[in-house]
Amino acid sequence: MFHIVAKEAKNRFGQLLTTAMKGPVIIDKNNKPIAVVLSIEEYERLEKIEEDSLVLKAQIALKDGFIGEEESENFLKELLNA
């Protein structure tokens, strides 16, 4: 994965975008990673993975059963009071 410092990313924004089309670019500030720039295709791929994961979790909950809102509230109250 490519790294670039924030000041350089600002000064070479066009190059940053071109590089992000090839793979994620980590932007560092004060020697710490603060952001990642990625292509729209990669972003959409990650969004799809997240969406698919949520659908799968919902399907599992429906199949295995789940508790309702009132039961959830009571459970959390008991847990917090313990």
C-alpha atoms as a PDB file:
ATOM      1  CA  MET A   1       0.000   0.000   0.000  1.00  0.00           C
ATOM      2  CA  PHE A   2       1.311   3.424  -0.905  1.00  0.00           C
ATOM      3  CA  HIS A   3       1.911   6.076   1.801  1.00  0.00           C
ATOM      4  CA  ILE A   4       2.065   9.827   1.323  1.00  0.00           C
ATOM      5  CA  VAL A   5       2.323  12.681   3.822  1.00  0.00           C
ATOM      6  CA  ALA A   6      -0.591  15.103   4.018  1.00  0.00           C
ATOM      7  CA  LYS A   7       1.328  18.123   2.727  1.00  0.00           C
ATOM      8  CA  GLU A   8       2.551  16.179  -0.294  1.00  0.00           C
ATOM      9  CA  ALA A   9      -0.977  14.847  -0.905  1.00  0.00           C
ATOM     10  CA  LYS A  10      -2.247  18.442  -0.941  1.00  0.00           C
ATOM     11  CA  ASN A  11       0.487  19.639  -3.278  1.00  0.00           C
ATOM     12  CA  ARG A  12       0.165  16.641  -5.638  1.00  0.00           C
ATOM     13  CA  PHE A  13      -3.558  16.010  -5.491  1.00  0.00           C
ATOM     14  CA  GLY A  14      -3.856  14.974  -9.139  1.00  0.00           C
ATOM     15  CA  GLN A  15      -1.067  12.434  -8.723  1.00  0.00           C
ATOM     16  CA  LEU A  16      -2.716  11.200  -5.514  1.00  0.00           C
ATOM     17  CA  LEU A  17      -5.938  10.511  -7.423  1.00  0.00           C
ATOM     18  CA  THR A  18      -4.065   8.707 -10.188  1.00  0.00           C
ATOM     19  CA  THR A  19      -2.228   6.564  -7.651  1.00  0.00           C
ATOM     20  CA  ALA A  20      -5.487   5.787  -5.803  1.00  0.00           C
ATOM     21  CA  MET A  21      -6.913   4.380  -9.046  1.00  0.00           C
ATOM     22  CA  LYS A  22      -4.234   1.676  -8.862  1.00  0.00           C
ATOM     23  CA  GLY A  23      -4.621   0.917  -5.146  1.00  0.00           C
ATOM     24  CA  PRO A  24      -5.372   2.461  -1.754  1.00  0.00           C
ATOM     25  CA  VAL A  25      -3.191   5.367  -0.636  1.00  0.00           C
ATOM     26  CA  ILE A  26      -2.620   6.018   3.066  1.00  0.00           C
ATOM     27  CA  ILE A  27      -2.196   9.665   4.015  1.00  0.00           C
ATOM     28  CA  ASP A  28       0.047  10.278   7.024  1.00  0.00           C
ATOM     29  CA  LYS A  29       0.160  13.380   9.200  1.00  0.00           C
ATOM     30  CA  ASN A  30       2.641  13.773  12.041  1.00  0.00           C
ATOM     31  CA  ASN A  31       3.897  10.256  11.280  1.00  0.00           C
ATOM     32  CA  LYS A  32       0.439   8.745  11.848  1.00  0.00           C
ATOM     33  CA  PRO A  33      -1.997   7.393   9.258  1.00  0.00           C
ATOM     34  CA  ILE A  34      -5.091   9.625   9.190  1.00  0.00           C
ATOM     35  CA  ALA A  35      -6.934   8.748   5.991  1.00  0.00           C
ATOM     36  CA  VAL A  36      -7.090   6.403   3.041  1.00  0.00           C
ATOM     37  CA  VAL A  37      -7.909   7.424  -0.519  1.00  0.00           C
ATOM     38  CA  LEU A  38      -9.227   4.709  -2.796  1.00  0.00           C
ATOM     39  CA  SER A  39     -10.846   4.378  -6.165  1.00  0.00           C
ATOM     40  CA  ILE A  40     -14.611   4.518  -6.478  1.00  0.00           C
ATOM     41  CA  GLU A  41     -14.546   0.907  -7.669  1.00  0.00           C
ATOM     42  CA  GLU A  42     -12.773  -0.225  -4.513  1.00  0.00           C
ATOM     43  CA  TYR A  43     -15.113   1.852  -2.334  1.00  0.00           C
ATOM     44  CA  GLU A  44     -18.172   0.332  -4.025  1.00  0.00           C
ATOM     45  CA  ARG A  45     -16.685  -3.153  -3.610  1.00  0.00           C
ATOM     46  CA  LEU A  46     -16.236  -2.581   0.124  1.00  0.00           C
ATOM     47  CA  GLU A  47     -19.752  -1.159   0.429  1.00  0.00           C
ATOM     48  CA  LYS A  48     -21.121  -4.278  -1.286  1.00  0.00           C
ATOM     49  CA  ILE A  49     -19.215  -6.537   1.101  1.00  0.00           C
ATOM     50  CA  GLU A  50     -20.622  -4.626   4.077  1.00  0.00           C
ATOM     51  CA  GLU A  51     -24.149  -4.747   2.659  1.00  0.00           C
ATOM     52  CA  ASP A  52     -23.872  -8.476   1.962  1.00  0.00           C
ATOM     53  CA  SER A  53     -22.628  -9.033   5.507  1.00  0.00           C
ATOM     54  CA  LEU A  54     -25.596  -7.169   7.000  1.00  0.00           C
ATOM     55  CA  VAL A  55     -28.026  -9.135   4.833  1.00  0.00           C
ATOM     56  CA  LEU A  56     -26.424 -12.394   5.944  1.00  0.00           C
ATOM     57  CA  LYS A  57     -26.627 -11.372   9.608  1.00  0.00           C
ATOM     58  CA  ALA A  58     -30.302 -10.480   9.174  1.00  0.00           C
ATOM     59  CA  GLN A  59     -30.991 -13.826   7.499  1.00  0.00           C
ATOM     60  CA  ILE A  60     -29.266 -15.672  10.334  1.00  0.00           C
ATOM     61  CA  ALA A  61     -31.254 -13.689  12.913  1.00  0.00           C
ATOM     62  CA  LEU A  62     -34.508 -14.539  11.158  1.00  0.00           C
ATOM     63  CA  LYS A  63     -33.565 -18.212  10.916  1.00  0.00           C
ATOM     64  CA  ASP A  64     -32.253 -18.564  14.465  1.00  0.00           C
ATOM     65  CA  GLY A  65     -34.795 -16.262  16.051  1.00  0.00           C
ATOM     66  CA  PHE A  66     -34.234 -12.990  17.788  1.00  0.00           C
ATOM     67  CA  ILE A  67     -35.684 -11.103  20.684  1.00  0.00           C
ATOM     68  CA  GLY A  68     -37.976  -8.142  20.276  1.00  0.00           C
ATOM     69  CA  GLU A  69     -37.554  -4.539  21.347  1.00  0.00           C
ATOM     70  CA  GLU A  70     -39.093  -4.938  24.804  1.00  0.00           C
ATOM     71  CA  GLU A  71     -37.058  -8.044  25.580  1.00  0.00           C
ATOM     72  CA  SER A  72     -33.929  -6.256  24.385  1.00  0.00           C
ATOM     73  CA  GLU A  73     -34.598  -3.293  26.675  1.00  0.00           C
ATOM     74  CA  ASN A  74     -35.208  -5.551  29.659  1.00  0.00           C
ATOM     75  CA  PHE A  75     -32.085  -7.550  28.951  1.00  0.00           C
ATOM     76  CA  LEU A  76     -29.955  -4.394  28.710  1.00  0.00           C
ATOM     77  CA  LYS A  77     -31.476  -2.941  31.895  1.00  0.00           C
ATOM     78  CA  GLU A  78     -30.700  -6.162  33.776  1.00  0.00           C
ATOM     79  CA  LEU A  79     -27.202  -6.220  32.357  1.00  0.00           C
ATOM     80  CA  LEU A  80     -26.523  -2.605  33.312  1.00  0.00           C
ATOM     81  CA  ASN A  81     -27.935  -3.062  36.820  1.00  0.00           C
ATOM     82  CA  ALA A  82     -25.866  -6.183  37.484  1.00  0.00           C
END
